[in-house]
PDB file of all heavy atoms in Angstrom:
ATOM      1  N   GLY A   1      58.948   0.544 -24.897  1.00  0.00           N
ATOM      2  CA  GLY A   1      58.662   0.797 -26.258  1.00  0.00           C
ATOM      3  C   GLY A   1      58.391  -0.429 -27.175  1.00  0.00           C
ATOM      4  O   GLY A   1      57.850  -0.304 -28.259  1.00  0.00           O
ATOM      5  N   ALA A   2      58.860  -1.599 -26.647  1.00  0.00           N
ATOM      6  CA  ALA A   2      58.692  -2.854 -27.483  1.00  0.00           C
ATOM      7  C   ALA A   2      57.766  -3.860 -26.624  1.00  0.00           C
ATOM      8  O   ALA A   2      57.880  -5.094 -26.851  1.00  0.00           O
ATOM      9  CB  ALA A   2      59.961  -3.455 -27.764  1.00  0.00           C
ATOM     10  N   LEU A   3      56.887  -3.394 -25.731  1.00  0.00           N
ATOM     11  CA  LEU A   3      56.223  -4.236 -24.903  1.00  0.00           C
ATOM     12  C   LEU A   3      55.183  -5.159 -25.724  1.00  0.00           C
ATOM     13  O   LEU A   3      54.998  -6.326 -25.264  1.00  0.00           O
ATOM     14  CB  LEU A   3      55.454  -3.494 -23.820  1.00  0.00           C
ATOM     15  CG  LEU A   3      55.117  -4.381 -22.590  1.00  0.00           C
ATOM     16  CD1 LEU A   3      56.294  -4.846 -21.769  1.00  0.00           C
ATOM     17  CD2 LEU A   3      54.118  -3.478 -21.645  1.00  0.00           C
ATOM     18  N   SER A   4      54.606  -4.655 -26.699  1.00  0.00           N
ATOM     19  CA  SER A   4      53.679  -5.422 -27.471  1.00  0.00           C
ATOM     20  C   SER A   4      54.184  -6.651 -28.004  1.00  0.00           C
ATOM     21  O   SER A   4      53.731  -7.711 -28.020  1.00  0.00           O
ATOM     22  CB  SER A   4      53.036  -4.615 -28.600  1.00  0.00           C
ATOM     23  OG  SER A   4      52.253  -3.599 -28.191  1.00  0.00           O
ATOM     24  N   ALA A   5      55.482  -6.612 -28.446  1.00  0.00           N
ATOM     25  CA  ALA A   5      56.171  -7.790 -29.059  1.00  0.00           C
ATOM     26  C   ALA A   5      56.468  -8.836 -27.846  1.00  0.00           C
ATOM     27  O   ALA A   5      56.294 -10.074 -28.126  1.00  0.00           O
ATOM     28  CB  ALA A   5      57.539  -7.346 -29.634  1.00  0.00           C
ATOM     29  N   LEU A   6      56.640  -8.270 -26.629  1.00  0.00           N
ATOM     30  CA  LEU A   6      56.823  -9.291 -25.500  1.00  0.00           C
ATOM     31  C   LEU A   6      55.552  -9.969 -25.244  1.00  0.00           C
ATOM     32  O   LEU A   6      55.518 -11.160 -24.932  1.00  0.00           O
ATOM     33  CB  LEU A   6      57.365  -8.467 -24.308  1.00  0.00           C
ATOM     34  CG  LEU A   6      57.552  -9.298 -22.987  1.00  0.00           C
ATOM     35  CD1 LEU A   6      58.622 -10.333 -23.162  1.00  0.00           C
ATOM     36  CD2 LEU A   6      57.863  -8.383 -21.869  1.00  0.00           C
ATOM     37  N   GLY A   7      54.415  -9.211 -25.294  1.00  0.00           N
ATOM     38  CA  GLY A   7      53.144  -9.851 -25.147  1.00  0.00           C
ATOM     39  C   GLY A   7      52.828 -11.033 -26.036  1.00  0.00           C
ATOM     40  O   GLY A   7      52.140 -12.022 -25.682  1.00  0.00           O
ATOM     41  N   PHE A   8      53.300 -10.888 -27.296  1.00  0.00           N
ATOM     42  CA  PHE A   8      53.168 -12.043 -28.175  1.00  0.00           C
ATOM     43  C   PHE A   8      53.819 -13.338 -27.651  1.00  0.00           C
ATOM     44  O   PHE A   8      53.231 -14.437 -27.974  1.00  0.00           O
ATOM     45  CB  PHE A   8      53.699 -11.695 -29.562  1.00  0.00           C
ATOM     46  CG  PHE A   8      52.858 -10.776 -30.409  1.00  0.00           C
ATOM     47  CD1 PHE A   8      52.049  -9.733 -29.850  1.00  0.00           C
ATOM     48  CD2 PHE A   8      52.704 -10.976 -31.773  1.00  0.00           C
ATOM     49  CE1 PHE A   8      51.253  -8.949 -30.599  1.00  0.00           C
ATOM     50  CE2 PHE A   8      51.861 -10.150 -32.621  1.00  0.00           C
ATOM     51  CZ  PHE A   8      51.141  -9.241 -32.031  1.00  0.00           C
ATOM     52  N   LEU A   9      54.825 -13.081 -26.989  1.00  0.00           N
ATOM     53  CA  LEU A   9      55.663 -14.384 -26.580  1.00  0.00           C
ATOM     54  C   LEU A   9      55.026 -14.980 -25.321  1.00  0.00           C
ATOM     55  O   LEU A   9      55.323 -16.122 -25.052  1.00  0.00           O
ATOM     56  CB  LEU A   9      57.138 -13.937 -26.167  1.00  0.00           C
ATOM     57  CG  LEU A   9      57.894 -13.359 -27.317  1.00  0.00           C
ATOM     58  CD1 LEU A   9      59.378 -12.927 -26.900  1.00  0.00           C
ATOM     59  CD2 LEU A   9      58.023 -14.348 -28.507  1.00  0.00           C
ATOM     60  N   VAL A  10      54.218 -14.287 -24.606  1.00  0.00           N
ATOM     61  CA  VAL A  10      53.640 -14.965 -23.372  1.00  0.00           C
ATOM     62  C   VAL A  10      52.136 -15.242 -23.433  1.00  0.00           C
ATOM     63  O   VAL A  10      51.556 -15.873 -22.579  1.00  0.00           O
ATOM     64  CB  VAL A  10      53.740 -13.945 -22.125  1.00  0.00           C
ATOM     65  CG1 VAL A  10      55.271 -13.609 -21.949  1.00  0.00           C
ATOM     66  CG2 VAL A  10      52.949 -12.650 -22.363  1.00  0.00           C
ATOM     67  N   ALA A  11      51.617 -14.992 -24.603  1.00  0.00           N
ATOM     68  CA  ALA A  11      50.233 -15.224 -24.824  1.00  0.00           C
ATOM     69  C   ALA A  11      49.881 -16.785 -24.952  1.00  0.00           C
ATOM     70  O   ALA A  11      50.692 -17.525 -25.538  1.00  0.00           O
ATOM     71  CB  ALA A  11      49.663 -14.557 -26.105  1.00  0.00           C
ATOM     72  N   PRO A  12      48.812 -17.304 -24.490  1.00  0.00           N
ATOM     73  CA  PRO A  12      48.518 -18.744 -24.642  1.00  0.00           C
ATOM     74  C   PRO A  12      47.728 -19.014 -25.854  1.00  0.00           C
ATOM     75  O   PRO A  12      46.978 -18.052 -26.414  1.00  0.00           O
ATOM     76  CB  PRO A  12      47.539 -18.945 -23.349  1.00  0.00           C
ATOM     77  CG  PRO A  12      46.802 -17.668 -23.210  1.00  0.00           C
ATOM     78  CD  PRO A  12      47.791 -16.608 -23.569  1.00  0.00           C
ATOM     79  N   PRO A  13      47.903 -20.202 -26.493  1.00  0.00           N
ATOM     80  CA  PRO A  13      47.123 -20.519 -27.552  1.00  0.00           C
ATOM     81  C   PRO A  13      45.606 -20.599 -27.131  1.00  0.00           C
ATOM     82  O   PRO A  13      45.225 -20.984 -25.989  1.00  0.00           O
ATOM     83  CB  PRO A  13      47.490 -22.001 -27.965  1.00  0.00           C
ATOM     84  CG  PRO A  13      48.892 -22.024 -27.408  1.00  0.00           C
ATOM     85  CD  PRO A  13      48.896 -21.245 -26.178  1.00  0.00           C
ATOM     86  N   SER A  14      44.701 -20.048 -27.864  1.00  0.00           N
ATOM     87  CA  SER A  14      43.276 -19.948 -27.447  1.00  0.00           C
ATOM     88  C   SER A  14      42.424 -19.837 -28.630  1.00  0.00           C
ATOM     89  O   SER A  14      42.686 -19.398 -29.676  1.00  0.00           O
ATOM     90  CB  SER A  14      43.170 -18.626 -26.551  1.00  0.00           C
ATOM     91  OG  SER A  14      41.822 -18.390 -26.143  1.00  0.00           O
ATOM     92  N   PHE A  15      41.164 -20.294 -28.324  1.00  0.00           N
ATOM     93  CA  PHE A  15      40.099 -20.231 -29.317  1.00  0.00           C
ATOM     94  C   PHE A  15      38.718 -20.091 -28.660  1.00  0.00           C
ATOM     95  O   PHE A  15      38.478 -20.855 -27.681  1.00  0.00           O
ATOM     96  CB  PHE A  15      40.022 -21.422 -30.274  1.00  0.00           C
ATOM     97  CG  PHE A  15      39.111 -21.221 -31.482  1.00  0.00           C
ATOM     98  CD1 PHE A  15      39.488 -20.542 -32.544  1.00  0.00           C
ATOM     99  CD2 PHE A  15      37.776 -21.805 -31.394  1.00  0.00           C
ATOM    100  CE1 PHE A  15      38.667 -20.341 -33.643  1.00  0.00           C
ATOM    101  CE2 PHE A  15      36.956 -21.634 -32.409  1.00  0.00           C
ATOM    102  CZ  PHE A  15      37.300 -20.943 -33.574  1.00  0.00           C
ATOM    103  N   GLU A  16      37.843 -19.169 -29.140  1.00  0.00           N
ATOM    104  CA  GLU A  16      36.617 -18.913 -28.515  1.00  0.00           C
ATOM    105  C   GLU A  16      35.470 -19.389 -29.448  1.00  0.00           C
ATOM    106  O   GLU A  16      35.521 -18.940 -30.644  1.00  0.00           O
ATOM    107  CB  GLU A  16      36.383 -17.525 -28.112  1.00  0.00           C
ATOM    108  CG  GLU A  16      34.978 -17.197 -27.486  1.00  0.00           C
ATOM    109  CD  GLU A  16      34.956 -15.783 -26.981  1.00  0.00           C
ATOM    110  OE1 GLU A  16      35.778 -15.361 -26.174  1.00  0.00           O
ATOM    111  OE2 GLU A  16      33.925 -15.101 -27.432  1.00  0.00           O
ATOM    112  N   SER A  17      34.583 -20.128 -28.968  1.00  0.00           N
ATOM    113  CA  SER A  17      33.363 -20.565 -29.692  1.00  0.00           C
ATOM    114  C   SER A  17      32.105 -19.884 -29.101  1.00  0.00           C
ATOM    115  O   SER A  17      32.035 -19.816 -27.881  1.00  0.00           O
ATOM    116  CB  SER A  17      33.257 -22.009 -29.824  1.00  0.00           C
ATOM    117  OG  SER A  17      34.322 -22.642 -30.318  1.00  0.00           O
ATOM    118  N   VAL A  18      31.231 -19.427 -30.002  1.00  0.00           N
ATOM    119  CA  VAL A  18      30.012 -18.880 -29.602  1.00  0.00           C
ATOM    120  C   VAL A  18      28.814 -19.453 -30.225  1.00  0.00           C
ATOM    121  O   VAL A  18      28.819 -19.506 -31.483  1.00  0.00           O
ATOM    122  CB  VAL A  18      29.990 -17.270 -29.728  1.00  0.00           C
ATOM    123  CG1 VAL A  18      28.762 -16.674 -29.170  1.00  0.00           C
ATOM    124  CG2 VAL A  18      31.209 -16.642 -29.099  1.00  0.00           C
ATOM    125  N   ARG A  19      27.766 -19.764 -29.525  1.00  0.00           N
ATOM    126  CA  ARG A  19      26.496 -20.309 -30.223  1.00  0.00           C
ATOM    127  C   ARG A  19      25.332 -19.586 -29.549  1.00  0.00           C
ATOM    128  O   ARG A  19      25.312 -19.301 -28.386  1.00  0.00           O
ATOM    129  CB  ARG A  19      26.464 -21.818 -29.940  1.00  0.00           C
ATOM    130  CG  ARG A  19      27.607 -22.599 -30.609  1.00  0.00           C
ATOM    131  CD  ARG A  19      27.352 -22.933 -32.072  1.00  0.00           C
ATOM    132  NE  ARG A  19      26.293 -23.796 -32.267  1.00  0.00           N
ATOM    133  CZ  ARG A  19      26.393 -25.079 -32.238  1.00  0.00           C
ATOM    134  NH1 ARG A  19      27.558 -25.689 -31.970  1.00  0.00           N
ATOM    135  NH2 ARG A  19      25.338 -25.880 -32.502  1.00  0.00           N
ATOM    136  N   SER A  20      24.362 -19.426 -30.387  1.00  0.00           N
ATOM    137  CA  SER A  20      23.078 -18.810 -29.977  1.00  0.00           C
ATOM    138  C   SER A  20      22.108 -19.843 -29.552  1.00  0.00           C
ATOM    139  O   SER A  20      21.948 -20.855 -30.131  1.00  0.00           O
ATOM    140  CB  SER A  20      22.508 -18.014 -31.120  1.00  0.00           C
ATOM    141  OG  SER A  20      21.212 -17.428 -30.723  1.00  0.00           O
ATOM    142  N   TYR A  21      21.505 -19.689 -28.372  1.00  0.00           N
ATOM    143  CA  TYR A  21      20.446 -20.513 -27.820  1.00  0.00           C
ATOM    144  C   TYR A  21      19.632 -19.660 -26.827  1.00  0.00           C
ATOM    145  O   TYR A  21      19.797 -19.760 -25.628  1.00  0.00           O
ATOM    146  CB  TYR A  21      21.044 -21.767 -27.108  1.00  0.00           C
ATOM    147  CG  TYR A  21      19.958 -22.732 -26.550  1.00  0.00           C
ATOM    148  CD1 TYR A  21      18.866 -23.014 -27.421  1.00  0.00           C
ATOM    149  CD2 TYR A  21      20.010 -23.330 -25.321  1.00  0.00           C
ATOM    150  CE1 TYR A  21      17.912 -23.979 -27.002  1.00  0.00           C
ATOM    151  CE2 TYR A  21      19.095 -24.133 -24.900  1.00  0.00           C
ATOM    152  CZ  TYR A  21      17.974 -24.519 -25.621  1.00  0.00           C
ATOM    153  OH  TYR A  21      16.996 -25.311 -25.170  1.00  0.00           O
ATOM    154  N   PRO A  22      18.826 -18.721 -27.309  1.00  0.00           N
ATOM    155  CA  PRO A  22      18.145 -17.746 -26.510  1.00  0.00           C
ATOM    156  C   PRO A  22      16.931 -18.337 -25.796  1.00  0.00           C
ATOM    157  O   PRO A  22      16.365 -19.335 -26.256  1.00  0.00           O
ATOM    158  CB  PRO A  22      17.843 -16.695 -27.429  1.00  0.00           C
ATOM    159  CG  PRO A  22      17.484 -17.471 -28.703  1.00  0.00           C
ATOM    160  CD  PRO A  22      18.454 -18.584 -28.747  1.00  0.00           C
ATOM    161  N   GLY A  23      16.577 -17.648 -24.686  1.00  0.00           N
ATOM    162  CA  GLY A  23      15.420 -17.979 -23.955  1.00  0.00           C
ATOM    163  C   GLY A  23      15.471 -17.618 -22.404  1.00  0.00           C
ATOM    164  O   GLY A  23      16.673 -17.459 -21.988  1.00  0.00           O
ATOM    165  N   GLU A  24      14.307 -17.546 -21.830  1.00  0.00           N
ATOM    166  CA  GLU A  24      14.372 -17.246 -20.424  1.00  0.00           C
ATOM    167  C   GLU A  24      15.087 -18.447 -19.690  1.00  0.00           C
ATOM    168  O   GLU A  24      14.810 -19.642 -19.950  1.00  0.00           O
ATOM    169  CB  GLU A  24      12.921 -17.063 -19.806  1.00  0.00           C
ATOM    170  CG  GLU A  24      12.357 -15.863 -20.405  1.00  0.00           C
ATOM    171  CD  GLU A  24      11.059 -15.607 -19.727  1.00  0.00           C
ATOM    172  OE1 GLU A  24      10.811 -16.220 -18.639  1.00  0.00           O
ATOM    173  OE2 GLU A  24      10.220 -14.701 -20.272  1.00  0.00           O
ATOM    174  N   LEU A  25      15.921 -18.161 -18.655  1.00  0.00           N
ATOM    175  CA  LEU A  25      16.663 -19.135 -17.981  1.00  0.00           C
ATOM    176  C   LEU A  25      15.718 -20.198 -17.288  1.00  0.00           C
ATOM    177  O   LEU A  25      15.941 -21.307 -17.342  1.00  0.00           O
ATOM    178  CB  LEU A  25      17.534 -18.503 -16.852  1.00  0.00           C
ATOM    179  CG  LEU A  25      18.832 -17.871 -17.288  1.00  0.00           C
ATOM    180  CD1 LEU A  25      19.600 -17.353 -16.057  1.00  0.00           C
ATOM    181  CD2 LEU A  25      19.676 -18.820 -18.066  1.00  0.00           C
ATOM    182  N   ALA A  26      14.634 -19.693 -16.716  1.00  0.00           N
ATOM    183  CA  ALA A  26      13.661 -20.652 -16.030  1.00  0.00           C
ATOM    184  C   ALA A  26      13.050 -21.548 -16.993  1.00  0.00           C
ATOM    185  O   ALA A  26      12.482 -22.626 -16.541  1.00  0.00           O
ATOM    186  CB  ALA A  26      12.623 -19.757 -15.409  1.00  0.00           C
ATOM    187  N   ARG A  27      13.026 -21.286 -18.255  1.00  0.00           N
ATOM    188  CA  ARG A  27      12.373 -22.164 -19.253  1.00  0.00           C
ATOM    189  C   ARG A  27      13.310 -22.999 -20.146  1.00  0.00           C
ATOM    190  O   ARG A  27      12.901 -23.816 -20.975  1.00  0.00           O
ATOM    191  CB  ARG A  27      11.439 -21.344 -20.131  1.00  0.00           C
ATOM    192  CG  ARG A  27      10.335 -20.697 -19.315  1.00  0.00           C
ATOM    193  CD  ARG A  27       9.450 -19.875 -20.286  1.00  0.00           C
ATOM    194  NE  ARG A  27       8.434 -19.156 -19.554  1.00  0.00           N
ATOM    195  CZ  ARG A  27       7.509 -18.403 -20.039  1.00  0.00           C
ATOM    196  NH1 ARG A  27       7.468 -18.217 -21.387  1.00  0.00           N
ATOM    197  NH2 ARG A  27       6.622 -17.783 -19.353  1.00  0.00           N
ATOM    198  N   LEU A  28      14.633 -22.811 -20.055  1.00  0.00           N
ATOM    199  CA  LEU A  28      15.585 -23.479 -20.878  1.00  0.00           C
ATOM    200  C   LEU A  28      15.808 -24.875 -20.359  1.00  0.00           C
ATOM    201  O   LEU A  28      15.693 -25.216 -19.143  1.00  0.00           O
ATOM    202  CB  LEU A  28      16.960 -22.801 -20.861  1.00  0.00           C
ATOM    203  CG  LEU A  28      17.010 -21.437 -21.602  1.00  0.00           C
ATOM    204  CD1 LEU A  28      18.361 -20.831 -21.494  1.00  0.00           C
ATOM    205  CD2 LEU A  28      16.761 -21.721 -23.169  1.00  0.00           C
ATOM    206  N   GLU A  29      16.116 -25.787 -21.282  1.00  0.00           N
ATOM    207  CA  GLU A  29      16.574 -27.223 -21.035  1.00  0.00           C
ATOM    208  C   GLU A  29      18.062 -27.299 -20.764  1.00  0.00           C
ATOM    209  O   GLU A  29      18.783 -27.142 -21.720  1.00  0.00           O
ATOM    210  CB  GLU A  29      16.081 -28.087 -22.099  1.00  0.00           C
ATOM    211  CG  GLU A  29      14.497 -28.179 -22.311  1.00  0.00           C
ATOM    212  CD  GLU A  29      14.167 -29.254 -23.389  1.00  0.00           C
ATOM    213  OE1 GLU A  29      15.130 -29.915 -23.734  1.00  0.00           O
ATOM    214  OE2 GLU A  29      12.965 -29.235 -23.780  1.00  0.00           O
ATOM    215  N   TRP A  30      18.390 -27.565 -19.560  1.00  0.00           N
ATOM    216  CA  TRP A  30      19.799 -27.559 -19.217  1.00  0.00           C
ATOM    217  C   TRP A  30      20.554 -28.630 -19.984  1.00  0.00           C
ATOM    218  O   TRP A  30      21.729 -28.467 -20.349  1.00  0.00           O
ATOM    219  CB  TRP A  30      20.115 -27.774 -17.807  1.00  0.00           C
ATOM    220  CG  TRP A  30      21.553 -27.696 -17.510  1.00  0.00           C
ATOM    221  CD1 TRP A  30      22.283 -28.714 -17.063  1.00  0.00           C
ATOM    222  CD2 TRP A  30      22.426 -26.460 -17.595  1.00  0.00           C
ATOM    223  NE1 TRP A  30      23.721 -28.194 -16.877  1.00  0.00           N
ATOM    224  CE2 TRP A  30      23.724 -26.855 -17.242  1.00  0.00           C
ATOM    225  CE3 TRP A  30      22.144 -25.127 -17.890  1.00  0.00           C
ATOM    226  CZ2 TRP A  30      24.771 -25.944 -17.187  1.00  0.00           C
ATOM    227  CZ3 TRP A  30      23.232 -24.267 -17.982  1.00  0.00           C
ATOM    228  CH2 TRP A  30      24.561 -24.746 -17.612  1.00  0.00           C
ATOM    229  N   ASP A  31      19.930 -29.825 -20.254  1.00  0.00           N
ATOM    230  CA  ASP A  31      20.573 -30.873 -21.060  1.00  0.00           C
ATOM    231  C   ASP A  31      20.900 -30.295 -22.421  1.00  0.00           C
ATOM    232  O   ASP A  31      21.966 -30.649 -22.978  1.00  0.00           O
ATOM    233  CB  ASP A  31      19.674 -32.039 -21.202  1.00  0.00           C
ATOM    234  CG  ASP A  31      19.502 -32.823 -19.798  1.00  0.00           C
ATOM    235  OD1 ASP A  31      20.326 -32.639 -19.001  1.00  0.00           O
ATOM    236  OD2 ASP A  31      18.542 -33.564 -19.762  1.00  0.00           O
TER     237      ASP A  31
END
C-alpha cells in the first residue's frame, strides 16, 4: 500500500533534453 513512497527513495537523479533536427537520415550531417 505504500510502494509509491518506496519508489521515490530508489529513483536516480535524471534529466532529459530534447531538440528538433528533422530530416531524412541519408541526408543528415552527422557532425
